[in-house]
Structures are given as C-alpha cells and as structure tokens.
PDB file of N, CA and C in Angstrom:
ATOM      1  N   UNK A   1      19.699  -0.635  -1.857  1.00  0.00           N
ATOM      2  CA  UNK A   1      18.783  -1.157  -0.657  1.00  0.00           C
ATOM      3  C   UNK A   1      19.753  -2.888  -0.258  1.00  0.00           C
ATOM      4  N   UNK A   2      20.048  -2.959   0.876  1.00  0.00           N
ATOM      5  CA  UNK A   2      20.768  -4.090   1.079  1.00  0.00           C
ATOM      6  C   UNK A   2      19.920  -5.630   0.699  1.00  0.00           C
ATOM      7  N   UNK A   3      20.633  -6.888   1.041  1.00  0.00           N
ATOM      8  CA  UNK A   3      19.912  -8.035   0.846  1.00  0.00           C
ATOM      9  C   UNK A   3      20.596  -9.069   1.616  1.00  0.00           C
ATOM     10  N   UNK A   4      19.575 -10.033   2.431  1.00  0.00           N
ATOM     11  CA  UNK A   4      19.953 -10.663   3.143  1.00  0.00           C
ATOM     12  C   UNK A   4      19.413 -11.969   2.399  1.00  0.00           C
ATOM     13  N   UNK A   5      20.361 -12.846   1.660  1.00  0.00           N
ATOM     14  CA  UNK A   5      20.049 -14.016   0.875  1.00  0.00           C
ATOM     15  C   UNK A   5      19.805 -15.265   1.698  1.00  0.00           C
ATOM     16  N   UNK A   6      18.818 -15.870   1.707  1.00  0.00           N
ATOM     17  CA  UNK A   6      18.417 -17.126   2.146  1.00  0.00           C
ATOM     18  C   UNK A   6      18.174 -18.061   1.012  1.00  0.00           C
ATOM     19  N   UNK A   7      19.526 -18.962   1.303  1.00  0.00           N
ATOM     20  CA  UNK A   7      19.418 -19.931   0.172  1.00  0.00           C
ATOM     21  C   UNK A   7      18.227 -20.840   0.594  1.00  0.00           C
ATOM     22  N   UNK A   8      17.931 -21.578   1.446  1.00  0.00           N
ATOM     23  CA  UNK A   8      16.711 -22.636   1.300  1.00  0.00           C
ATOM     24  C   UNK A   8      15.696 -21.711   0.700  1.00  0.00           C
ATOM     25  N   UNK A   9      15.542 -20.348   1.112  1.00  0.00           N
ATOM     26  CA  UNK A   9      14.056 -19.882   0.664  1.00  0.00           C
ATOM     27  C   UNK A   9      14.057 -19.418  -0.820  1.00  0.00           C
ATOM     28  N   UNK A  10      15.374 -19.514  -1.217  1.00  0.00           N
ATOM     29  CA  UNK A  10      15.478 -19.014  -2.919  1.00  0.00           C
ATOM     30  C   UNK A  10      15.196 -20.251  -3.558  1.00  0.00           C
ATOM     31  N   UNK A  11      15.534 -21.369  -2.955  1.00  0.00           N
ATOM     32  CA  UNK A  11      15.380 -23.043  -3.628  1.00  0.00           C
ATOM     33  C   UNK A  11      13.600 -23.190  -3.327  1.00  0.00           C
ATOM     34  N   UNK A  12      13.124 -22.971  -2.131  1.00  0.00           N
ATOM     35  CA  UNK A  12      11.679 -23.086  -2.382  1.00  0.00           C
ATOM     36  C   UNK A  12      11.073 -22.124  -3.178  1.00  0.00           C
ATOM     37  N   UNK A  13      11.408 -20.959  -3.526  1.00  0.00           N
ATOM     38  CA  UNK A  13      11.055 -20.377  -4.889  1.00  0.00           C
ATOM     39  C   UNK A  13      11.374 -20.678  -6.019  1.00  0.00           C
ATOM     40  N   UNK A  14      12.389 -21.526  -6.389  1.00  0.00           N
ATOM     41  CA  UNK A  14      12.369 -22.391  -7.577  1.00  0.00           C
ATOM     42  C   UNK A  14      13.773 -21.491  -8.281  1.00  0.00           C
ATOM     43  N   UNK A  15      14.456 -20.964  -7.256  1.00  0.00           N
ATOM     44  CA  UNK A  15      15.781 -19.975  -7.620  1.00  0.00           C
ATOM     45  C   UNK A  15      16.770 -20.583  -7.339  1.00  0.00           C
ATOM     46  N   UNK A  16      18.126 -20.243  -8.073  1.00  0.00           N
ATOM     47  CA  UNK A  16      19.479 -20.654  -7.717  1.00  0.00           C
ATOM     48  C   UNK A  16      20.310 -19.704  -6.975  1.00  0.00           C
ATOM     49  N   UNK A  17      20.334 -19.965  -5.585  1.00  0.00           N
ATOM     50  CA  UNK A  17      20.898 -19.039  -4.743  1.00  0.00           C
ATOM     51  C   UNK A  17      22.597 -18.602  -5.102  1.00  0.00           C
ATOM     52  N   UNK A  18      23.251 -19.200  -6.003  1.00  0.00           N
ATOM     53  CA  UNK A  18      24.483 -18.816  -6.339  1.00  0.00           C
ATOM     54  C   UNK A  18      24.201 -17.795  -7.707  1.00  0.00           C
ATOM     55  N   UNK A  19      23.054 -17.919  -8.619  1.00  0.00           N
ATOM     56  CA  UNK A  19      22.857 -16.935  -9.233  1.00  0.00           C
ATOM     57  C   UNK A  19      22.506 -15.472  -8.612  1.00  0.00           C
ATOM     58  N   UNK A  20      21.672 -15.795  -7.941  1.00  0.00           N
ATOM     59  CA  UNK A  20      20.985 -14.551  -6.911  1.00  0.00           C
ATOM     60  C   UNK A  20      22.411 -13.819  -6.474  1.00  0.00           C
ATOM     61  N   UNK A  21      23.284 -14.772  -5.797  1.00  0.00           N
ATOM     62  CA  UNK A  21      24.389 -14.248  -5.196  1.00  0.00           C
ATOM     63  C   UNK A  21      25.305 -13.380  -6.265  1.00  0.00           C
ATOM     64  N   UNK A  22      25.538 -13.656  -7.322  1.00  0.00           N
ATOM     65  CA  UNK A  22      26.258 -13.245  -8.384  1.00  0.00           C
ATOM     66  C   UNK A  22      25.539 -11.874  -8.940  1.00  0.00           C
ATOM     67  N   UNK A  23      24.338 -11.976  -9.176  1.00  0.00           N
ATOM     68  CA  UNK A  23      23.251 -11.093  -9.641  1.00  0.00           C
ATOM     69  C   UNK A  23      23.377  -9.780  -8.942  1.00  0.00           C
ATOM     70  N   UNK A  24      23.350 -10.229  -7.370  1.00  0.00           N
ATOM     71  CA  UNK A  24      23.202  -9.012  -6.531  1.00  0.00           C
ATOM     72  C   UNK A  24      24.507  -8.663  -5.503  1.00  0.00           C
ATOM     73  N   UNK A  25      25.729  -9.156  -5.723  1.00  0.00           N
ATOM     74  CA  UNK A  25      26.771  -9.074  -4.960  1.00  0.00           C
ATOM     75  C   UNK A  25      26.753  -8.113  -4.588  1.00  0.00           C
ATOM     76  N   UNK A  26      26.546  -6.568  -5.048  1.00  0.00           N
ATOM     77  CA  UNK A  26      26.667  -5.188  -4.257  1.00  0.00           C
ATOM     78  C   UNK A  26      25.843  -5.153  -3.317  1.00  0.00           C
ATOM     79  N   UNK A  27      24.659  -5.843  -3.236  1.00  0.00           N
ATOM     80  CA  UNK A  27      23.630  -5.655  -2.040  1.00  0.00           C
ATOM     81  C   UNK A  27      23.711  -6.702  -0.866  1.00  0.00           C
ATOM     82  N   UNK A  28      24.646  -8.081  -1.167  1.00  0.00           N
ATOM     83  CA  UNK A  28      24.549  -8.705  -0.166  1.00  0.00           C
ATOM     84  C   UNK A  28      25.296  -8.603   1.193  1.00  0.00           C
ATOM     85  N   UNK A  29      24.550  -8.304   2.261  1.00  0.00           N
ATOM     86  CA  UNK A  29      25.307  -7.966   3.490  1.00  0.00           C
ATOM     87  C   UNK A  29      25.427  -9.429   4.471  1.00  0.00           C
ATOM     88  N   UNK A  30      24.328  -9.987   4.277  1.00  0.00           N
ATOM     89  CA  UNK A  30      24.118 -11.259   4.994  1.00  0.00           C
ATOM     90  C   UNK A  30      23.495 -12.508   4.360  1.00  0.00           C
ATOM     91  N   UNK A  31      24.150 -13.687   4.727  1.00  0.00           N
ATOM     92  CA  UNK A  31      23.592 -14.949   3.738  1.00  0.00           C
ATOM     93  C   UNK A  31      23.141 -16.005   5.156  1.00  0.00           C
ATOM     94  N   UNK A  32      22.215 -16.597   4.919  1.00  0.00           N
ATOM     95  CA  UNK A  32      21.577 -17.430   5.958  1.00  0.00           C
ATOM     96  C   UNK A  32      21.581 -18.487   4.971  1.00  0.00           C
ATOM     97  N   UNK A  33      22.595 -19.568   5.479  1.00  0.00           N
ATOM     98  CA  UNK A  33      22.699 -21.134   4.905  1.00  0.00           C
ATOM     99  C   UNK A  33      21.886 -21.493   5.374  1.00  0.00           C
ATOM    100  N   UNK A  34      20.913 -22.130   4.465  1.00  0.00           N
ATOM    101  CA  UNK A  34      19.818 -23.304   5.163  1.00  0.00           C
ATOM    102  C   UNK A  34      19.419 -23.957   3.588  1.00  0.00           C
ATOM    103  N   UNK A  35      19.613 -25.291   3.471  1.00  0.00           N
ATOM    104  CA  UNK A  35      19.244 -26.005   2.749  1.00  0.00           C
ATOM    105  C   UNK A  35      17.592 -26.477   2.472  1.00  0.00           C
ATOM    106  N   UNK A  36      17.399 -26.690   1.320  1.00  0.00           N
ATOM    107  CA  UNK A  36      15.897 -27.362   0.989  1.00  0.00           C
ATOM    108  C   UNK A  36      15.926 -28.678  -0.131  1.00  0.00           C
ATOM    109  N   UNK A  37      14.859 -28.869  -0.437  1.00  0.00           N
ATOM    110  CA  UNK A  37      14.979 -29.931  -1.499  1.00  0.00           C
ATOM    111  C   UNK A  37      14.222 -29.579  -2.658  1.00  0.00           C
ATOM    112  N   UNK A  38      13.474 -28.639  -2.975  1.00  0.00           N
ATOM    113  CA  UNK A  38      12.925 -28.088  -3.913  1.00  0.00           C
ATOM    114  C   UNK A  38      11.997 -27.128  -3.837  1.00  0.00           C
ATOM    115  N   UNK A  39      11.305 -26.895  -5.237  1.00  0.00           N
ATOM    116  CA  UNK A  39      10.145 -25.449  -5.271  1.00  0.00           C
ATOM    117  C   UNK A  39       9.126 -26.171  -4.524  1.00  0.00           C
ATOM    118  N   UNK A  40       8.503 -24.953  -3.671  1.00  0.00           N
ATOM    119  CA  UNK A  40       7.070 -25.242  -3.119  1.00  0.00           C
ATOM    120  C   UNK A  40       5.938 -24.619  -4.248  1.00  0.00           C
ATOM    121  N   UNK A  41       5.058 -25.560  -4.151  1.00  0.00           N
ATOM    122  CA  UNK A  41       3.678 -24.853  -4.823  1.00  0.00           C
ATOM    123  C   UNK A  41       3.641 -23.316  -4.434  1.00  0.00           C
ATOM    124  N   UNK A  42       3.392 -22.615  -5.751  1.00  0.00           N
ATOM    125  CA  UNK A  42       3.447 -21.146  -5.673  1.00  0.00           C
ATOM    126  C   UNK A  42       1.827 -20.726  -5.246  1.00  0.00           C
ATOM    127  N   UNK A  43       1.138 -21.583  -5.525  1.00  0.00           N
ATOM    128  CA  UNK A  43      -0.177 -21.129  -4.777  1.00  0.00           C
ATOM    129  C   UNK A  43      -0.757 -21.306  -3.445  1.00  0.00           C
ATOM    130  N   UNK A  44       0.287 -21.790  -2.588  1.00  0.00           N
ATOM    131  CA  UNK A  44      -0.097 -21.753  -0.971  1.00  0.00           C
ATOM    132  C   UNK A  44      -0.026 -20.392  -0.744  1.00  0.00           C
ATOM    133  N   UNK A  45      -1.765 -20.279  -0.337  1.00  0.00           N
ATOM    134  CA  UNK A  45      -1.672 -18.954   0.258  1.00  0.00           C
ATOM    135  C   UNK A  45      -0.950 -18.611   1.366  1.00  0.00           C
ATOM    136  N   UNK A  46      -0.633 -17.286   1.106  1.00  0.00           N
ATOM    137  CA  UNK A  46       0.148 -16.330   2.449  1.00  0.00           C
ATOM    138  C   UNK A  46      -0.793 -16.573   3.835  1.00  0.00           C
ATOM    139  N   UNK A  47      -0.542 -17.161   5.014  1.00  0.00           N
ATOM    140  CA  UNK A  47      -0.988 -17.300   6.025  1.00  0.00           C
ATOM    141  C   UNK A  47      -0.383 -17.473   7.169  1.00  0.00           C
ATOM    142  N   UNK A  48      -1.054 -17.477   8.231  1.00  0.00           N
ATOM    143  CA  UNK A  48      -0.118 -18.234   9.270  1.00  0.00           C
ATOM    144  C   UNK A  48       0.080 -19.451   9.268  1.00  0.00           C
ATOM    145  N   UNK A  49      -0.181 -20.235   8.293  1.00  0.00           N
ATOM    146  CA  UNK A  49       0.271 -21.511   8.296  1.00  0.00           C
ATOM    147  C   UNK A  49       1.278 -21.713   7.120  1.00  0.00           C
ATOM    148  N   UNK A  50       1.775 -20.794   6.529  1.00  0.00           N
ATOM    149  CA  UNK A  50       2.873 -20.957   5.236  1.00  0.00           C
ATOM    150  C   UNK A  50       4.025 -21.553   6.085  1.00  0.00           C
ATOM    151  N   UNK A  51       4.597 -21.340   7.010  1.00  0.00           N
ATOM    152  CA  UNK A  51       5.882 -21.712   7.522  1.00  0.00           C
ATOM    153  C   UNK A  51       5.462 -23.481   7.864  1.00  0.00           C
ATOM    154  N   UNK A  52       4.605 -23.839   8.292  1.00  0.00           N
ATOM    155  CA  UNK A  52       4.281 -25.207   8.352  1.00  0.00           C
ATOM    156  C   UNK A  52       4.291 -25.896   7.105  1.00  0.00           C
ATOM    157  N   UNK A  53       3.748 -25.391   6.147  1.00  0.00           N
ATOM    158  CA  UNK A  53       3.503 -25.832   4.842  1.00  0.00           C
ATOM    159  C   UNK A  53       4.842 -26.030   4.168  1.00  0.00           C
ATOM    160  N   UNK A  54       5.931 -25.119   4.378  1.00  0.00           N
ATOM    161  CA  UNK A  54       7.118 -25.261   3.824  1.00  0.00           C
ATOM    162  C   UNK A  54       8.019 -26.325   4.726  1.00  0.00           C
ATOM    163  N   UNK A  55       7.764 -26.408   5.805  1.00  0.00           N
ATOM    164  CA  UNK A  55       8.913 -26.904   6.525  1.00  0.00           C
ATOM    165  C   UNK A  55       9.083 -28.327   6.040  1.00  0.00           C
ATOM    166  N   UNK A  56       8.290 -29.335   5.506  1.00  0.00           N
ATOM    167  CA  UNK A  56       8.655 -30.500   4.899  1.00  0.00           C
ATOM    168  C   UNK A  56       9.851 -30.568   3.640  1.00  0.00           C
ATOM    169  N   UNK A  57      10.070 -29.154   3.183  1.00  0.00           N
ATOM    170  CA  UNK A  57      11.107 -28.758   1.925  1.00  0.00           C
ATOM    171  C   UNK A  57      12.411 -28.556   2.508  1.00  0.00           C
ATOM    172  N   UNK A  58      12.454 -28.352   4.008  1.00  0.00           N
ATOM    173  CA  UNK A  58      13.953 -27.679   4.600  1.00  0.00           C
ATOM    174  C   UNK A  58      14.509 -29.030   4.985  1.00  0.00           C
ATOM    175  N   UNK A  59      16.005 -28.740   4.674  1.00  0.00           N
ATOM    176  CA  UNK A  59      16.891 -30.003   5.226  1.00  0.00           C
ATOM    177  C   UNK A  59      17.966 -29.146   6.028  1.00  0.00           C
ATOM    178  N   UNK A  60      18.699 -29.885   6.756  1.00  0.00           N
ATOM    179  CA  UNK A  60      20.288 -29.537   7.099  1.00  0.00           C
ATOM    180  C   UNK A  60      20.787 -29.332   6.035  1.00  0.00           C
ATOM    181  N   UNK A  61      21.667 -28.465   6.523  1.00  0.00           N
ATOM    182  CA  UNK A  61      22.570 -28.053   5.336  1.00  0.00           C
ATOM    183  C   UNK A  61      23.509 -29.238   5.051  1.00  0.00           C
ATOM    184  N   UNK A  62      23.547 -29.443   3.865  1.00  0.00           N
ATOM    185  CA  UNK A  62      24.259 -30.852   3.492  1.00  0.00           C
ATOM    186  C   UNK A  62      23.363 -31.872   2.943  1.00  0.00           C
ATOM    187  N   UNK A  63      22.074 -31.740   3.505  1.00  0.00           N
ATOM    188  CA  UNK A  63      21.035 -32.898   2.872  1.00  0.00           C
ATOM    189  C   UNK A  63      20.006 -32.371   2.073  1.00  0.00           C
ATOM    190  N   UNK A  64      20.112 -31.242   1.571  1.00  0.00           N
ATOM    191  CA  UNK A  64      19.386 -30.850   0.658  1.00  0.00           C
ATOM    192  C   UNK A  64      19.794 -30.656  -0.979  1.00  0.00           C
ATOM    193  N   UNK A  65      19.288 -29.915  -1.946  1.00  0.00           N
ATOM    194  CA  UNK A  65      20.026 -29.717  -2.962  1.00  0.00           C
ATOM    195  C   UNK A  65      20.919 -28.729  -3.243  1.00  0.00           C
ATOM    196  N   UNK A  66      21.152 -27.682  -2.394  1.00  0.00           N
ATOM    197  CA  UNK A  66      22.243 -26.984  -2.878  1.00  0.00           C
ATOM    198  C   UNK A  66      23.458 -27.493  -2.711  1.00  0.00           C
ATOM    199  N   UNK A  67      24.436 -27.004  -3.761  1.00  0.00           N
ATOM    200  CA  UNK A  67      25.754 -27.421  -4.026  1.00  0.00           C
ATOM    201  C   UNK A  67      26.558 -26.644  -3.250  1.00  0.00           C
ATOM    202  N   UNK A  68      26.757 -27.115  -1.799  1.00  0.00           N
ATOM    203  CA  UNK A  68      27.801 -26.020  -0.631  1.00  0.00           C
ATOM    204  C   UNK A  68      29.179 -25.715  -1.092  1.00  0.00           C
ATOM    205  N   UNK A  69      29.752 -26.657  -1.837  1.00  0.00           N
ATOM    206  CA  UNK A  69      31.051 -26.275  -2.606  1.00  0.00           C
ATOM    207  C   UNK A  69      31.177 -25.296  -3.244  1.00  0.00           C
ATOM    208  N   UNK A  70      30.087 -25.453  -4.292  1.00  0.00           N
ATOM    209  CA  UNK A  70      29.854 -24.090  -5.415  1.00  0.00           C
ATOM    210  C   UNK A  70      29.479 -22.891  -4.473  1.00  0.00           C
ATOM    211  N   UNK A  71      28.715 -22.944  -4.009  1.00  0.00           N
ATOM    212  CA  UNK A  71      28.352 -21.952  -2.917  1.00  0.00           C
ATOM    213  C   UNK A  71      29.381 -21.075  -2.421  1.00  0.00           C
ATOM    214  N   UNK A  72      30.097 -21.934  -1.667  1.00  0.00           N
ATOM    215  CA  UNK A  72      31.415 -21.222  -1.061  1.00  0.00           C
ATOM    216  C   UNK A  72      32.363 -20.684  -1.948  1.00  0.00           C
ATOM    217  N   UNK A  73      32.426 -21.547  -3.229  1.00  0.00           N
ATOM    218  CA  UNK A  73      33.452 -20.744  -4.281  1.00  0.00           C
ATOM    219  C   UNK A  73      32.811 -19.356  -5.016  1.00  0.00           C
ATOM    220  N   UNK A  74      31.300 -19.292  -4.815  1.00  0.00           N
ATOM    221  CA  UNK A  74      30.884 -18.209  -5.472  1.00  0.00           C
ATOM    222  C   UNK A  74      30.999 -17.049  -4.557  1.00  0.00           C
ATOM    223  N   UNK A  75      30.955 -17.571  -3.102  1.00  0.00           N
ATOM    224  CA  UNK A  75      31.220 -16.227  -2.256  1.00  0.00           C
ATOM    225  C   UNK A  75      32.310 -15.776  -2.246  1.00  0.00           C
ATOM    226  N   UNK A  76      33.485 -16.614  -2.197  1.00  0.00           N
ATOM    227  CA  UNK A  76      34.796 -16.121  -2.480  1.00  0.00           C
ATOM    228  C   UNK A  76      34.959 -15.276  -3.737  1.00  0.00           C
ATOM    229  N   UNK A  77      34.581 -15.870  -4.934  1.00  0.00           N
ATOM    230  CA  UNK A  77      34.565 -15.216  -6.234  1.00  0.00           C
ATOM    231  C   UNK A  77      34.037 -13.968  -6.174  1.00  0.00           C
ATOM    232  N   UNK A  78      33.050 -13.718  -5.479  1.00  0.00           N
ATOM    233  CA  UNK A  78      32.179 -12.117  -5.599  1.00  0.00           C
ATOM    234  C   UNK A  78      32.894 -11.574  -4.084  1.00  0.00           C
ATOM    235  N   UNK A  79      33.655 -11.976  -3.510  1.00  0.00           N
ATOM    236  CA  UNK A  79      34.423 -11.114  -2.415  1.00  0.00           C
ATOM    237  C   UNK A  79      33.464 -10.964  -1.091  1.00  0.00           C
ATOM    238  N   UNK A  80      32.550 -11.993  -1.280  1.00  0.00           N
ATOM    239  CA  UNK A  80      31.692 -11.779   0.259  1.00  0.00           C
ATOM    240  C   UNK A  80      32.238 -12.132   1.256  1.00  0.00           C
ATOM    241  N   UNK A  81      32.628 -11.009   2.115  1.00  0.00           N
ATOM    242  CA  UNK A  81      33.103 -11.017   3.601  1.00  0.00           C
ATOM    243  C   UNK A  81      32.264 -10.579   4.760  1.00  0.00           C
ATOM    244  N   UNK A  82      30.976 -10.872   4.484  1.00  0.00           N
ATOM    245  CA  UNK A  82      30.048 -10.090   5.543  1.00  0.00           C
ATOM    246  C   UNK A  82      29.797 -11.265   6.510  1.00  0.00           C
ATOM    247  N   UNK A  83      28.398 -11.128   7.006  1.00  0.00           N
ATOM    248  CA  UNK A  83      27.918 -11.947   8.015  1.00  0.00           C
ATOM    249  C   UNK A  83      27.461 -13.191   7.519  1.00  0.00           C
ATOM    250  N   UNK A  84      27.331 -14.542   8.088  1.00  0.00           N
ATOM    251  CA  UNK A  84      26.985 -15.825   7.725  1.00  0.00           C
ATOM    252  C   UNK A  84      26.139 -16.269   8.764  1.00  0.00           C
ATOM    253  N   UNK A  85      25.040 -16.581   8.579  1.00  0.00           N
ATOM    254  CA  UNK A  85      24.230 -17.578   9.546  1.00  0.00           C
ATOM    255  C   UNK A  85      23.912 -18.868   9.095  1.00  0.00           C
ATOM    256  N   UNK A  86      24.314 -19.908  10.057  1.00  0.00           N
ATOM    257  CA  UNK A  86      24.091 -21.139   9.776  1.00  0.00           C
ATOM    258  C   UNK A  86      22.512 -21.178  10.235  1.00  0.00           C
ATOM    259  N   UNK A  87      21.785 -21.601   9.682  1.00  0.00           N
ATOM    260  CA  UNK A  87      20.040 -21.749   9.651  1.00  0.00           C
ATOM    261  C   UNK A  87      19.536 -22.926   9.540  1.00  0.00           C
ATOM    262  N   UNK A  88      18.704 -22.961  10.570  1.00  0.00           N
ATOM    263  CA  UNK A  88      17.880 -24.400  10.739  1.00  0.00           C
ATOM    264  C   UNK A  88      16.321 -24.066  11.070  1.00  0.00           C
ATOM    265  N   UNK A  89      15.688 -24.514  10.069  1.00  0.00           N
ATOM    266  CA  UNK A  89      13.820 -24.258  10.267  1.00  0.00           C
ATOM    267  C   UNK A  89      13.327 -25.548  10.729  1.00  0.00           C
ATOM    268  N   UNK A  90      13.063 -25.515  12.075  1.00  0.00           N
ATOM    269  CA  UNK A  90      11.556 -26.826  12.279  1.00  0.00           C
ATOM    270  C   UNK A  90      12.435 -28.322  12.177  1.00  0.00           C
ATOM    271  N   UNK A  91      13.316 -28.737  13.424  1.00  0.00           N
ATOM    272  CA  UNK A  91      14.191 -29.422  13.166  1.00  0.00           C
ATOM    273  C   UNK A  91      13.529 -30.662  14.389  1.00  0.00           C
ATOM    274  N   UNK A  92      13.114 -31.899  14.323  1.00  0.00           N
ATOM    275  CA  UNK A  92      12.826 -32.592  15.412  1.00  0.00           C
ATOM    276  C   UNK A  92      13.939 -32.584  16.660  1.00  0.00           C
ATOM    277  N   UNK A  93      15.136 -32.893  16.075  1.00  0.00           N
ATOM    278  CA  UNK A  93      16.523 -32.730  17.002  1.00  0.00           C
ATOM    279  C   UNK A  93      17.214 -31.725  16.548  1.00  0.00           C
ATOM    280  N   UNK A  94      16.918 -30.171  17.244  1.00  0.00           N
ATOM    281  CA  UNK A  94      17.685 -29.251  16.479  1.00  0.00           C
ATOM    282  C   UNK A  94      19.243 -29.290  17.056  1.00  0.00           C
ATOM    283  N   UNK A  95      19.730 -29.745  18.081  1.00  0.00           N
ATOM    284  CA  UNK A  95      21.078 -29.680  18.436  1.00  0.00           C
ATOM    285  C   UNK A  95      21.774 -30.659  17.434  1.00  0.00           C
ATOM    286  N   UNK A  96      21.271 -31.710  17.359  1.00  0.00           N
ATOM    287  CA  UNK A  96      21.888 -33.064  16.580  1.00  0.00           C
ATOM    288  C   UNK A  96      22.022 -32.212  15.081  1.00  0.00           C
ATOM    289  N   UNK A  97      20.878 -31.647  14.578  1.00  0.00           N
ATOM    290  CA  UNK A  97      21.081 -31.038  13.100  1.00  0.00           C
ATOM    291  C   UNK A  97      21.780 -29.802  12.812  1.00  0.00           C
ATOM    292  N   UNK A  98      21.920 -29.164  13.934  1.00  0.00           N
ATOM    293  CA  UNK A  98      23.036 -28.064  13.650  1.00  0.00           C
ATOM    294  C   UNK A  98      24.344 -28.614  13.667  1.00  0.00           C
ATOM    295  N   UNK A  99      24.814 -29.523  14.589  1.00  0.00           N
ATOM    296  CA  UNK A  99      25.900 -30.270  14.489  1.00  0.00           C
ATOM    297  C   UNK A  99      26.333 -30.958  13.413  1.00  0.00           C
ATOM    298  N   UNK A 100      25.302 -31.371  12.718  1.00  0.00           N
ATOM    299  CA  UNK A 100      25.591 -32.135  11.211  1.00  0.00           C
ATOM    300  C   UNK A 100      25.975 -31.109  10.464  1.00  0.00           C
ATOM    301  N   UNK A 101      25.008 -30.030  10.574  1.00  0.00           N
ATOM    302  CA  UNK A 101      25.295 -28.812   9.521  1.00  0.00           C
ATOM    303  C   UNK A 101      26.692 -28.467   9.549  1.00  0.00           C
ATOM    304  N   UNK A 102      26.971 -27.770  10.793  1.00  0.00           N
ATOM    305  CA  UNK A 102      28.587 -27.304  11.048  1.00  0.00           C
ATOM    306  C   UNK A 102      29.565 -28.246  10.629  1.00  0.00           C
ATOM    307  N   UNK A 103      29.350 -29.838  11.179  1.00  0.00           N
ATOM    308  CA  UNK A 103      30.177 -30.562  10.467  1.00  0.00           C
ATOM    309  C   UNK A 103      30.447 -30.654   8.792  1.00  0.00           C
ATOM    310  N   UNK A 104      29.262 -30.393   8.292  1.00  0.00           N
ATOM    311  CA  UNK A 104      29.059 -30.725   6.761  1.00  0.00           C
ATOM    312  C   UNK A 104      30.141 -29.243   6.484  1.00  0.00           C
ATOM    313  N   UNK A 105      29.492 -28.262   6.910  1.00  0.00           N
ATOM    314  CA  UNK A 105      30.333 -26.745   6.304  1.00  0.00           C
ATOM    315  C   UNK A 105      31.816 -26.962   6.970  1.00  0.00           C
ATOM    316  N   UNK A 106      32.098 -27.505   8.020  1.00  0.00           N
ATOM    317  CA  UNK A 106      33.541 -27.680   8.286  1.00  0.00           C
ATOM    318  C   UNK A 106      34.590 -28.299   7.143  1.00  0.00           C
ATOM    319  N   UNK A 107      33.994 -29.494   6.949  1.00  0.00           N
ATOM    320  CA  UNK A 107      34.459 -30.429   5.864  1.00  0.00           C
ATOM    321  C   UNK A 107      34.638 -29.855   4.466  1.00  0.00           C
ATOM    322  N   UNK A 108      33.652 -28.820   4.243  1.00  0.00           N
ATOM    323  CA  UNK A 108      33.969 -28.058   2.920  1.00  0.00           C
ATOM    324  C   UNK A 108      35.267 -27.110   3.410  1.00  0.00           C
ATOM    325  N   UNK A 109      35.098 -26.489   4.279  1.00  0.00           N
ATOM    326  CA  UNK A 109      36.055 -25.443   4.525  1.00  0.00           C
ATOM    327  C   UNK A 109      37.270 -25.752   4.533  1.00  0.00           C
ATOM    328  N   UNK A 110      37.680 -26.848   5.108  1.00  0.00           N
ATOM    329  CA  UNK A 110      39.070 -27.484   5.006  1.00  0.00           C
ATOM    330  C   UNK A 110      39.170 -28.626   4.085  1.00  0.00           C
ATOM    331  N   UNK A 111      38.549 -28.750   3.148  1.00  0.00           N
ATOM    332  CA  UNK A 111      38.741 -29.648   2.180  1.00  0.00           C
ATOM    333  C   UNK A 111      39.922 -29.099   1.509  1.00  0.00           C
ATOM    334  N   UNK A 112      41.030 -29.921   1.335  1.00  0.00           N
ATOM    335  CA  UNK A 112      42.153 -29.661   0.280  1.00  0.00           C
ATOM    336  C   UNK A 112      41.627 -29.086  -1.052  1.00  0.00           C
ATOM    337  N   UNK A 113      40.723 -29.586  -1.875  1.00  0.00           N
ATOM    338  CA  UNK A 113      40.211 -29.344  -2.951  1.00  0.00           C
ATOM    339  C   UNK A 113      40.081 -27.864  -2.990  1.00  0.00           C
ATOM    340  N   UNK A 114      39.562 -27.295  -1.743  1.00  0.00           N
ATOM    341  CA  UNK A 114      39.199 -25.857  -1.901  1.00  0.00           C
ATOM    342  C   UNK A 114      40.757 -25.077  -1.978  1.00  0.00           C
TER     343      UNK A 114
END
C-alpha cells in the first residue's frame, strides 16, 4: 500500500514526519509539505467541523514546528524522487502565504549548506 505523507497532519497527530518518512520510505509516493505548530487534542470528535478545529494549528511552510532543512535532507537520504505538493490549509491571504512558503523552500534548496 502506498503512502501520501502530509507533514502537517503528522505533526497534528503528535508524530515526527521525518521518522514516518524513514520508517515508510518504500511506501512513500507523494509528500504534502504543510507546516503546523503542534499536536491537537485527540478527543476532538470526527465531524464536519474537524477541519475548522484543526485550522488554528496550521502554519505556512517555515512558520511552524517542522525542521524543513532536516526534512529535505531526509528525503535525499531515503532517495525520495516522487511528487511533492506544497500545501496550505485555510489562510486569510493564500496568495501571499504560498509565496512566503515557496520563498522559504527555495531558500533551503539553494542554500550553500545543502
């Protein structure tokens, strides 16, 4: 079975996206790059309101708790060469937020330390 790893949702669940990528490297076929600031309450009932309750935890890539430099290094380490989707959930100004996310990712990709 294949895996679409959503970094933001892994963080919301209290996990580490880097560890999940390493553990499931053979199943990983797409990665949603999304940032979040922490784990949500696991007692939130699954209903039509669950996404609204998660929304305050999501951040633009680079503004949350994920170490994107380590994430990119991990993808290189495991040989991931599949599809990547830069994702943003519920932003007041999505165009600006996506530009900021792209700027952050581009800076990491073009960093001399990489």
